[in-house]
Amino acid sequence: MSTPDTAPQPENHAQRHGLAVSLLRGLGLVVLMAAISAGTAFLIVELRMNAIAAATAAAEDDLTALRQATLDEVAALRAELASTTAELQAEVRRQREELEAEMKRVQEAAVAAGVLLEQEGELTGLEARLKEIETLKLDLKSAREEMDAKLQALEASLKDQLASSEQETAAALSLEMSVKGLLIKAQGEVLLAQVY
């Protein structure tokens, strides 16, 4: 009876050794490719995050400039309204003083001449001047209403611009959150590749 030969076969051992080396090389290449892919994904996500941050900063700068320009425009309109109102009030005062002086002179002349007649509680000679005063009052009122309308339109425009800029900021934040989600997912893929 012969005993089985337990010595390893050199040919079989070399073949197993070559197969193990090939497997290790293949596994090394797969790990290297996964690392390169993860690095590339991380770099792309980082570049996109930087681009989004730059776009957000630019949008904030534009919004600040727009707000300042609007505030300047509102201040200019208010100054114009105050100036116009002051001019109209001065004109009304001047007209009133002239009218009062004229009325006093006419009344004195009418009393002296005995021509001034009173009809239904009003002096008939002064009706034309009273109509002029009423016209000036109406002009002042319409100027005030016009300036108020301009201010309201400007405030409405400002509110609309602020609302649209807030929507743009919200969209930028949403995009940033989605990019961060992609970054987290990419990091998960890297970790998963490392585990494999």
Protein backbone atom coordinates (compact mmCIF):
# COMPACT_ATOMS: atom_id res chain seq x y z
CA MET A 1 0.00 0.00 0.00
CA SER A 2 1.26 3.34 -0.85
CA THR A 3 0.66 6.48 1.14
CA PRO A 4 -0.73 9.49 -0.56
CA ASP A 5 1.77 12.21 -1.31
CA THR A 6 1.02 15.20 0.90
CA ALA A 7 3.71 17.42 -0.52
CA PRO A 8 2.27 20.37 -2.39
CA GLN A 9 2.52 20.33 -6.04
CA PRO A 10 4.85 23.13 -7.16
CA GLU A 11 2.85 23.73 -10.26
CA ASN A 12 -0.45 24.02 -8.40
CA HIS A 13 1.11 26.32 -5.75
CA ALA A 14 2.53 28.68 -8.39
CA GLN A 15 -0.82 28.76 -10.14
CA ARG A 16 -2.59 29.68 -6.87
CA HIS A 17 0.05 32.29 -6.11
CA GLY A 18 -0.41 33.90 -9.57
CA LEU A 19 -4.18 33.87 -9.14
CA ALA A 20 -3.91 35.56 -5.71
CA VAL A 21 -1.57 38.21 -7.09
CA SER A 22 -3.97 38.86 -9.99
CA LEU A 23 -6.90 39.15 -7.61
CA LEU A 24 -4.99 41.53 -5.34
CA ARG A 25 -3.96 43.66 -8.30
CA GLY A 26 -7.52 43.77 -9.59
CA LEU A 27 -8.83 44.64 -6.14
CA GLY A 28 -6.15 47.34 -5.83
CA LEU A 29 -7.20 48.82 -9.17
CA VAL A 30 -10.87 48.82 -8.12
CA VAL A 31 -9.99 50.57 -4.84
CA LEU A 32 -7.79 53.07 -6.69
CA MET A 33 -10.58 53.81 -9.20
CA ALA A 34 -13.10 54.23 -6.36
CA ALA A 35 -10.76 56.64 -4.57
CA ILE A 36 -10.22 58.66 -7.76
CA SER A 37 -13.98 58.75 -8.44
CA ALA A 38 -14.70 59.85 -4.87
CA GLY A 39 -12.03 62.56 -5.07
CA THR A 40 -13.42 63.79 -8.37
CA ALA A 41 -16.98 63.83 -7.00
CA PHE A 42 -15.83 65.72 -3.92
CA LEU A 43 -13.95 68.24 -6.07
CA ILE A 44 -16.99 68.80 -8.31
CA VAL A 45 -19.27 69.29 -5.31
CA GLU A 46 -16.76 71.67 -3.72
CA LEU A 47 -16.50 73.71 -6.94
CA ARG A 48 -20.29 73.91 -7.20
CA MET A 49 -20.55 74.98 -3.57
CA ASN A 50 -18.01 77.75 -4.21
CA ALA A 51 -19.91 78.87 -7.32
CA ILE A 52 -23.20 78.93 -5.38
CA ALA A 53 -21.58 80.88 -2.55
CA ALA A 54 -20.21 83.42 -5.03
CA ALA A 55 -23.61 83.73 -6.74
CA THR A 56 -25.33 84.17 -3.37
CA ALA A 57 -22.85 86.87 -2.35
CA ALA A 58 -23.36 88.67 -5.67
CA ALA A 59 -27.14 88.46 -5.27
CA GLU A 60 -26.89 89.88 -1.75
CA ASP A 61 -24.68 92.72 -3.02
CA ASP A 62 -27.19 93.47 -5.78
CA LEU A 63 -30.04 93.39 -3.27
CA THR A 64 -28.18 95.78 -0.96
CA ALA A 65 -27.47 98.15 -3.85
CA LEU A 66 -31.11 97.98 -4.95
CA ARG A 67 -32.34 98.69 -1.43
CA GLN A 68 -29.99 101.66 -1.10
CA ALA A 69 -31.02 103.04 -4.49
CA THR A 70 -34.70 102.68 -3.57
CA LEU A 71 -34.16 104.36 -0.21
CA ASP A 72 -32.31 107.20 -1.95
CA GLU A 73 -35.15 107.57 -4.43
CA VAL A 74 -37.75 107.62 -1.63
CA ALA A 75 -35.70 110.26 0.23
CA ALA A 76 -35.48 112.38 -2.94
CA LEU A 77 -39.23 112.10 -3.52
CA ARG A 78 -39.94 113.04 0.08
CA ALA A 79 -37.62 116.03 -0.21
CA GLU A 80 -39.36 117.03 -3.45
CA LEU A 81 -42.76 116.63 -1.77
CA ALA A 82 -41.66 118.75 1.20
CA SER A 83 -40.23 121.40 -1.12
CA THR A 84 -43.35 121.51 -3.30
CA THR A 85 -45.61 121.59 -0.26
CA ALA A 86 -43.58 124.40 1.29
CA GLU A 87 -43.70 126.37 -1.97
CA LEU A 88 -47.45 125.91 -2.31
CA GLN A 89 -48.03 126.84 1.33
CA ALA A 90 -45.87 129.96 0.89
CA GLU A 91 -47.83 130.85 -2.26
CA VAL A 92 -51.12 130.36 -0.41
CA ARG A 93 -49.89 132.54 2.47
CA ARG A 94 -48.75 135.23 0.04
CA GLN A 95 -52.05 135.11 -1.86
CA ARG A 96 -53.97 135.20 1.41
CA GLU A 97 -52.01 138.21 2.64
CA GLU A 98 -52.51 139.96 -0.68
CA LEU A 99 -56.17 139.09 -0.60
CA GLU A 100 -56.58 140.29 2.96
CA ALA A 101 -54.81 143.54 2.09
CA GLU A 102 -56.91 143.92 -1.05
CA MET A 103 -60.10 143.10 0.86
CA LYS A 104 -59.24 145.63 3.51
CA ARG A 105 -58.49 148.29 0.89
CA VAL A 106 -61.67 147.49 -1.07
CA GLN A 107 -63.79 147.47 2.07
CA GLU A 108 -62.35 150.77 3.19
CA ALA A 109 -62.95 152.25 -0.28
CA ALA A 110 -66.43 150.72 -0.48
CA VAL A 111 -67.35 151.92 2.98
CA ALA A 112 -65.99 155.35 2.17
CA ALA A 113 -67.95 155.42 -1.10
CA GLY A 114 -71.01 153.74 0.39
CA VAL A 115 -71.06 151.19 -2.44
CA LEU A 116 -70.44 147.94 -0.54
CA LEU A 117 -73.62 145.96 -0.23
CA GLU A 118 -74.17 142.84 1.80
CA GLN A 119 -76.16 140.06 0.24
CA GLU A 120 -77.03 136.89 2.16
CA GLY A 121 -74.27 137.48 4.67
CA GLU A 122 -71.47 137.93 2.08
CA LEU A 123 -69.99 140.97 0.49
CA THR A 124 -70.68 140.93 -3.24
CA GLY A 125 -67.41 142.60 -4.30
CA LEU A 126 -65.24 139.93 -2.71
CA GLU A 127 -66.73 136.86 -4.38
CA ALA A 128 -64.10 136.75 -7.11
CA ARG A 129 -61.26 136.81 -4.57
CA LEU A 130 -62.88 134.11 -2.49
CA LYS A 131 -63.13 131.90 -5.57
CA GLU A 132 -59.40 132.41 -6.18
CA ILE A 133 -58.66 131.27 -2.62
CA GLU A 134 -60.78 128.17 -3.12
CA THR A 135 -58.96 127.44 -6.38
CA LEU A 136 -55.60 127.72 -4.60
CA LYS A 137 -56.83 125.38 -1.87
CA LEU A 138 -57.92 122.84 -4.48
CA ASP A 139 -54.55 123.13 -6.27
CA LEU A 140 -52.70 122.50 -3.01
CA LYS A 141 -54.93 119.54 -2.21
CA SER A 142 -54.45 117.99 -5.67
CA ALA A 143 -50.66 118.47 -5.43
CA ARG A 144 -50.63 116.71 -2.07
CA GLU A 145 -52.76 113.85 -3.43
CA GLU A 146 -50.48 113.49 -6.45
CA MET A 147 -47.34 113.30 -4.28
CA ASP A 148 -49.06 110.82 -1.94
CA ALA A 149 -49.94 108.66 -4.95
CA LYS A 150 -46.32 108.78 -6.14
CA LEU A 151 -45.07 107.76 -2.70
CA GLN A 152 -47.56 104.90 -2.48
CA ALA A 153 -46.57 103.65 -5.94
CA LEU A 154 -42.91 103.81 -4.97
CA GLU A 155 -43.54 101.96 -1.71
CA ALA A 156 -45.51 99.28 -3.57
CA SER A 157 -42.66 98.93 -6.07
CA LEU A 158 -40.18 98.66 -3.22
CA LYS A 159 -42.27 95.95 -1.55
CA ASP A 160 -42.49 94.02 -4.84
CA GLN A 161 -38.72 94.27 -5.37
CA LEU A 162 -38.03 93.13 -1.82
CA ALA A 163 -40.43 90.19 -2.21
CA SER A 164 -38.78 89.09 -5.46
CA SER A 165 -35.30 89.37 -3.94
CA GLU A 166 -36.45 87.28 -0.96
CA GLN A 167 -37.72 84.63 -3.40
CA GLU A 168 -34.34 84.63 -5.17
CA THR A 169 -32.55 84.23 -1.84
CA ALA A 170 -34.86 81.33 -0.92
CA ALA A 171 -34.14 79.67 -4.27
CA ALA A 172 -30.39 80.07 -3.72
CA LEU A 173 -30.68 78.55 -0.24
CA SER A 174 -32.71 75.65 -1.66
CA LEU A 175 -30.02 75.04 -4.28
CA GLU A 176 -27.34 75.19 -1.60
CA MET A 177 -29.19 72.62 0.50
CA SER A 178 -29.54 70.29 -2.50
CA VAL A 179 -25.82 70.62 -3.20
CA LYS A 180 -25.05 69.85 0.43
CA GLY A 181 -27.29 66.79 0.12
CA LEU A 182 -25.33 65.69 -2.94
CA LEU A 183 -22.08 66.23 -1.02
CA ILE A 184 -23.30 64.07 1.83
CA LYS A 185 -24.41 61.41 -0.65
CA ALA A 186 -20.98 61.55 -2.34
CA GLN A 187 -19.26 61.18 1.01
CA GLY A 188 -21.49 58.18 1.73
CA GLU A 189 -20.48 56.66 -1.58
CA VAL A 190 -16.82 57.24 -0.71
CA LEU A 191 -17.27 55.57 2.65
CA LEU A 192 -19.13 52.69 1.00
CA ALA A 193 -16.32 52.34 -1.55
CA GLN A 194 -13.77 52.29 1.27
CA VAL A 195 -15.74 49.60 3.06
CA TYR A 196 -15.77 47.49 -0.10
